[in-house]
């Protein structure tokens, strides 16, 4: 999700489309929060490990 957020941010900036910029920020923040929770050892989405 972090990579997708960065891609949307760059596309929104290059193409000057504000909705892509906004979606990129939202996806990036959600990705960072989920990454932080997962690396702290908390279960994300009811699972501790993804196989």
PDB file of N, CA and C in Angstrom:
ATOM      1  N   UNK A   1       0.818  -1.195   0.000  1.00  0.00           N
ATOM      2  CA  UNK A   1       0.000   0.000   0.000  1.00  0.00           C
ATOM      3  C   UNK A   1       0.860   1.256   0.000  1.00  0.00           C
ATOM      4  N   UNK A   2       2.008   1.150   0.615  1.00  0.00           N
ATOM      5  CA  UNK A   2       2.889   2.316   0.651  1.00  0.00           C
ATOM      6  C   UNK A   2       3.374   2.644  -0.761  1.00  0.00           C
ATOM      7  N   UNK A   3       3.755   1.618  -1.502  1.00  0.00           N
ATOM      8  CA  UNK A   3       4.227   1.836  -2.872  1.00  0.00           C
ATOM      9  C   UNK A   3       3.098   2.369  -3.754  1.00  0.00           C
ATOM     10  N   UNK A   4       1.896   1.813  -3.595  1.00  0.00           N
ATOM     11  CA  UNK A   4       0.745   2.297  -4.359  1.00  0.00           C
ATOM     12  C   UNK A   4       0.452   3.758  -4.034  1.00  0.00           C
ATOM     13  N   UNK A   5       0.549   4.132  -2.772  1.00  0.00           N
ATOM     14  CA  UNK A   5       0.342   5.518  -2.376  1.00  0.00           C
ATOM     15  C   UNK A   5       1.361   6.452  -2.999  1.00  0.00           C
ATOM     16  N   UNK A   6       2.624   6.008  -3.033  1.00  0.00           N
ATOM     17  CA  UNK A   6       3.660   6.830  -3.658  1.00  0.00           C
ATOM     18  C   UNK A   6       3.429   6.979  -5.154  1.00  0.00           C
ATOM     19  N   UNK A   7       3.005   5.887  -5.803  1.00  0.00           N
ATOM     20  CA  UNK A   7       2.720   5.960  -7.244  1.00  0.00           C
ATOM     21  C   UNK A   7       1.576   6.927  -7.516  1.00  0.00           C
ATOM     22  N   UNK A   8       0.524   6.850  -6.713  1.00  0.00           N
ATOM     23  CA  UNK A   8      -0.604   7.761  -6.903  1.00  0.00           C
ATOM     24  C   UNK A   8      -0.203   9.215  -6.646  1.00  0.00           C
ATOM     25  N   UNK A   9       0.648   9.427  -5.645  1.00  0.00           N
ATOM     26  CA  UNK A   9       1.125  10.791  -5.380  1.00  0.00           C
ATOM     27  C   UNK A   9       1.893  11.346  -6.568  1.00  0.00           C
ATOM     28  N   UNK A  10       2.784  10.549  -7.118  1.00  0.00           N
ATOM     29  CA  UNK A  10       3.586  11.014  -8.249  1.00  0.00           C
ATOM     30  C   UNK A  10       2.708  11.245  -9.472  1.00  0.00           C
ATOM     31  N   UNK A  11       1.797  10.312  -9.758  1.00  0.00           N
ATOM     32  CA  UNK A  11       0.905  10.495 -10.906  1.00  0.00           C
ATOM     33  C   UNK A  11       0.011  11.720 -10.730  1.00  0.00           C
ATOM     34  N   UNK A  12      -0.489  11.927  -9.534  1.00  0.00           N
ATOM     35  CA  UNK A  12      -1.320  13.095  -9.280  1.00  0.00           C
ATOM     36  C   UNK A  12      -0.557  14.393  -9.455  1.00  0.00           C
ATOM     37  N   UNK A  13       0.719  14.367  -9.065  1.00  0.00           N
ATOM     38  CA  UNK A  13       1.536  15.572  -9.217  1.00  0.00           C
ATOM     39  C   UNK A  13       1.888  15.824 -10.675  1.00  0.00           C
ATOM     40  N   UNK A  14       2.297  14.764 -11.386  1.00  0.00           N
ATOM     41  CA  UNK A  14       2.731  14.917 -12.777  1.00  0.00           C
ATOM     42  C   UNK A  14       1.556  15.266 -13.685  1.00  0.00           C
ATOM     43  N   UNK A  15       0.430  14.568 -13.500  1.00  0.00           N
ATOM     44  CA  UNK A  15      -0.727  14.798 -14.365  1.00  0.00           C
ATOM     45  C   UNK A  15      -1.617  15.939 -13.883  1.00  0.00           C
ATOM     46  N   UNK A  16      -1.285  16.505 -12.733  1.00  0.00           N
ATOM     47  CA  UNK A  16      -2.033  17.610 -12.135  1.00  0.00           C
ATOM     48  C   UNK A  16      -3.504  17.234 -11.913  1.00  0.00           C
ATOM     49  N   UNK A  17      -3.720  16.032 -11.350  1.00  0.00           N
ATOM     50  CA  UNK A  17      -5.057  15.550 -11.029  1.00  0.00           C
ATOM     51  C   UNK A  17      -5.152  15.494  -9.503  1.00  0.00           C
ATOM     52  N   UNK A  18      -5.979  16.347  -8.944  1.00  0.00           N
ATOM     53  CA  UNK A  18      -6.018  16.477  -7.488  1.00  0.00           C
ATOM     54  C   UNK A  18      -6.607  15.248  -6.793  1.00  0.00           C
ATOM     55  N   UNK A  19      -7.519  14.526  -7.452  1.00  0.00           N
ATOM     56  CA  UNK A  19      -8.102  13.352  -6.808  1.00  0.00           C
ATOM     57  C   UNK A  19      -7.057  12.245  -6.636  1.00  0.00           C
ATOM     58  N   UNK A  20      -6.140  12.115  -7.599  1.00  0.00           N
ATOM     59  CA  UNK A  20      -5.057  11.141  -7.451  1.00  0.00           C
ATOM     60  C   UNK A  20      -4.122  11.537  -6.317  1.00  0.00           C
ATOM     61  N   UNK A  21      -3.870  12.802  -6.188  1.00  0.00           N
ATOM     62  CA  UNK A  21      -3.033  13.322  -5.104  1.00  0.00           C
ATOM     63  C   UNK A  21      -3.667  12.997  -3.752  1.00  0.00           C
ATOM     64  N   UNK A  22      -4.969  13.252  -3.620  1.00  0.00           N
ATOM     65  CA  UNK A  22      -5.682  12.987  -2.375  1.00  0.00           C
ATOM     66  C   UNK A  22      -5.721  11.497  -2.061  1.00  0.00           C
ATOM     67  N   UNK A  23      -6.044  10.682  -3.050  1.00  0.00           N
ATOM     68  CA  UNK A  23      -6.065   9.235  -2.837  1.00  0.00           C
ATOM     69  C   UNK A  23      -4.675   8.706  -2.490  1.00  0.00           C
ATOM     70  N   UNK A  24      -3.660   9.260  -3.102  1.00  0.00           N
ATOM     71  CA  UNK A  24      -2.291   8.847  -2.796  1.00  0.00           C
ATOM     72  C   UNK A  24      -1.924   9.121  -1.354  1.00  0.00           C
ATOM     73  N   UNK A  25      -2.318  10.274  -0.852  1.00  0.00           N
ATOM     74  CA  UNK A  25      -2.037  10.612   0.549  1.00  0.00           C
ATOM     75  C   UNK A  25      -2.770   9.662   1.486  1.00  0.00           C
ATOM     76  N   UNK A  26      -4.048   9.390   1.197  1.00  0.00           N
ATOM     77  CA  UNK A  26      -4.846   8.509   2.053  1.00  0.00           C
ATOM     78  C   UNK A  26      -4.269   7.100   2.056  1.00  0.00           C
ATOM     79  N   UNK A  27      -3.968   6.562   0.874  1.00  0.00           N
ATOM     80  CA  UNK A  27      -3.434   5.198   0.784  1.00  0.00           C
ATOM     81  C   UNK A  27      -2.062   5.117   1.451  1.00  0.00           C
ATOM     82  N   UNK A  28      -1.251   6.146   1.295  1.00  0.00           N
ATOM     83  CA  UNK A  28       0.063   6.164   1.913  1.00  0.00           C
ATOM     84  C   UNK A  28      -0.039   6.161   3.436  1.00  0.00           C
ATOM     85  N   UNK A  29      -0.916   6.962   3.991  1.00  0.00           N
ATOM     86  CA  UNK A  29      -1.087   7.025   5.450  1.00  0.00           C
ATOM     87  C   UNK A  29      -1.611   5.695   5.989  1.00  0.00           C
ATOM     88  N   UNK A  30      -2.596   5.101   5.316  1.00  0.00           N
ATOM     89  CA  UNK A  30      -3.124   3.809   5.753  1.00  0.00           C
ATOM     90  C   UNK A  30      -2.039   2.741   5.683  1.00  0.00           C
ATOM     91  N   UNK A  31      -1.247   2.755   4.635  1.00  0.00           N
ATOM     92  CA  UNK A  31      -0.165   1.790   4.500  1.00  0.00           C
ATOM     93  C   UNK A  31       0.878   1.923   5.596  1.00  0.00           C
ATOM     94  N   UNK A  32       1.225   3.152   5.938  1.00  0.00           N
ATOM     95  CA  UNK A  32       2.210   3.374   6.996  1.00  0.00           C
ATOM     96  C   UNK A  32       1.657   2.929   8.351  1.00  0.00           C
ATOM     97  N   UNK A  33       0.391   3.202   8.614  1.00  0.00           N
ATOM     98  CA  UNK A  33      -0.218   2.778   9.879  1.00  0.00           C
ATOM     99  C   UNK A  33      -0.263   1.254   9.968  1.00  0.00           C
ATOM    100  N   UNK A  34      -0.675   0.588   8.905  1.00  0.00           N
ATOM    101  CA  UNK A  34      -0.716  -0.874   8.918  1.00  0.00           C
ATOM    102  C   UNK A  34       0.682  -1.466   9.039  1.00  0.00           C
ATOM    103  N   UNK A  35       1.660  -0.852   8.396  1.00  0.00           N
ATOM    104  CA  UNK A  35       3.033  -1.328   8.520  1.00  0.00           C
ATOM    105  C   UNK A  35       3.534  -1.180   9.955  1.00  0.00           C
ATOM    106  N   UNK A  36       3.228  -0.046  10.582  1.00  0.00           N
ATOM    107  CA  UNK A  36       3.659   0.187  11.966  1.00  0.00           C
ATOM    108  C   UNK A  36       3.004  -0.807  12.915  1.00  0.00           C
ATOM    109  N   UNK A  37       1.714  -1.056  12.734  1.00  0.00           N
ATOM    110  CA  UNK A  37       1.033  -2.026  13.590  1.00  0.00           C
ATOM    111  C   UNK A  37       1.579  -3.428  13.385  1.00  0.00           C
ATOM    112  N   UNK A  38       1.826  -3.795  12.142  1.00  0.00           N
ATOM    113  CA  UNK A  38       2.347  -5.129  11.857  1.00  0.00           C
ATOM    114  C   UNK A  38       3.748  -5.326  12.380  1.00  0.00           C
ATOM    115  N   UNK A  39       4.588  -4.306  12.287  1.00  0.00           N
ATOM    116  CA  UNK A  39       5.956  -4.449  12.766  1.00  0.00           C
ATOM    117  C   UNK A  39       6.031  -4.401  14.290  1.00  0.00           C
ATOM    118  N   UNK A  40       5.007  -3.864  14.935  1.00  0.00           N
ATOM    119  CA  UNK A  40       4.975  -3.826  16.400  1.00  0.00           C
ATOM    120  C   UNK A  40       4.476  -5.138  16.987  1.00  0.00           C
ATOM    121  N   UNK A  41       4.054  -6.072  16.133  1.00  0.00           N
ATOM    122  CA  UNK A  41       3.617  -7.371  16.631  1.00  0.00           C
ATOM    123  C   UNK A  41       2.125  -7.484  16.858  1.00  0.00           C
ATOM    124  N   UNK A  42       1.389  -6.446  16.551  1.00  0.00           N
ATOM    125  CA  UNK A  42      -0.069  -6.510  16.707  1.00  0.00           C
ATOM    126  C   UNK A  42      -0.687  -7.252  15.537  1.00  0.00           C
ATOM    127  N   UNK A  43      -1.772  -7.937  15.828  1.00  0.00           N
ATOM    128  CA  UNK A  43      -2.494  -8.629  14.765  1.00  0.00           C
ATOM    129  C   UNK A  43      -3.251  -7.597  13.929  1.00  0.00           C
ATOM    130  N   UNK A  44      -3.056  -7.627  12.634  1.00  0.00           N
ATOM    131  CA  UNK A  44      -3.738  -6.703  11.724  1.00  0.00           C
ATOM    132  C   UNK A  44      -4.735  -7.514  10.914  1.00  0.00           C
ATOM    133  N   UNK A  45      -5.997  -7.168  10.988  1.00  0.00           N
ATOM    134  CA  UNK A  45      -7.021  -7.899  10.255  1.00  0.00           C
ATOM    135  C   UNK A  45      -7.306  -9.269  10.861  1.00  0.00           C
ATOM    136  N   UNK A  46      -7.023  -9.446  12.131  1.00  0.00           N
ATOM    137  CA  UNK A  46      -7.301 -10.713  12.793  1.00  0.00           C
ATOM    138  C   UNK A  46      -6.231 -11.768  12.602  1.00  0.00           C
ATOM    139  N   UNK A  47      -5.126 -11.416  11.940  1.00  0.00           N
ATOM    140  CA  UNK A  47      -4.060 -12.390  11.696  1.00  0.00           C
ATOM    141  C   UNK A  47      -2.731 -11.814  12.131  1.00  0.00           C
ATOM    142  N   UNK A  48      -1.914 -12.661  12.691  1.00  0.00           N
ATOM    143  CA  UNK A  48      -0.567 -12.231  13.051  1.00  0.00           C
ATOM    144  C   UNK A  48       0.419 -12.495  11.929  1.00  0.00           C
ATOM    145  N   UNK A  49       0.152 -13.547  11.131  1.00  0.00           N
ATOM    146  CA  UNK A  49       1.062 -13.903  10.049  1.00  0.00           C
ATOM    147  C   UNK A  49       0.255 -14.065   8.772  1.00  0.00           C
ATOM    148  N   UNK A  50       0.837 -13.680   7.669  1.00  0.00           N
ATOM    149  CA  UNK A  50       0.224 -13.868   6.363  1.00  0.00           C
ATOM    150  C   UNK A  50       1.032 -14.897   5.598  1.00  0.00           C
ATOM    151  N   UNK A  51       0.390 -15.976   5.222  1.00  0.00           N
ATOM    152  CA  UNK A  51       1.106 -17.056   4.532  1.00  0.00           C
ATOM    153  C   UNK A  51       0.723 -17.090   3.084  1.00  0.00           C
TER     154      UNK A  51
END
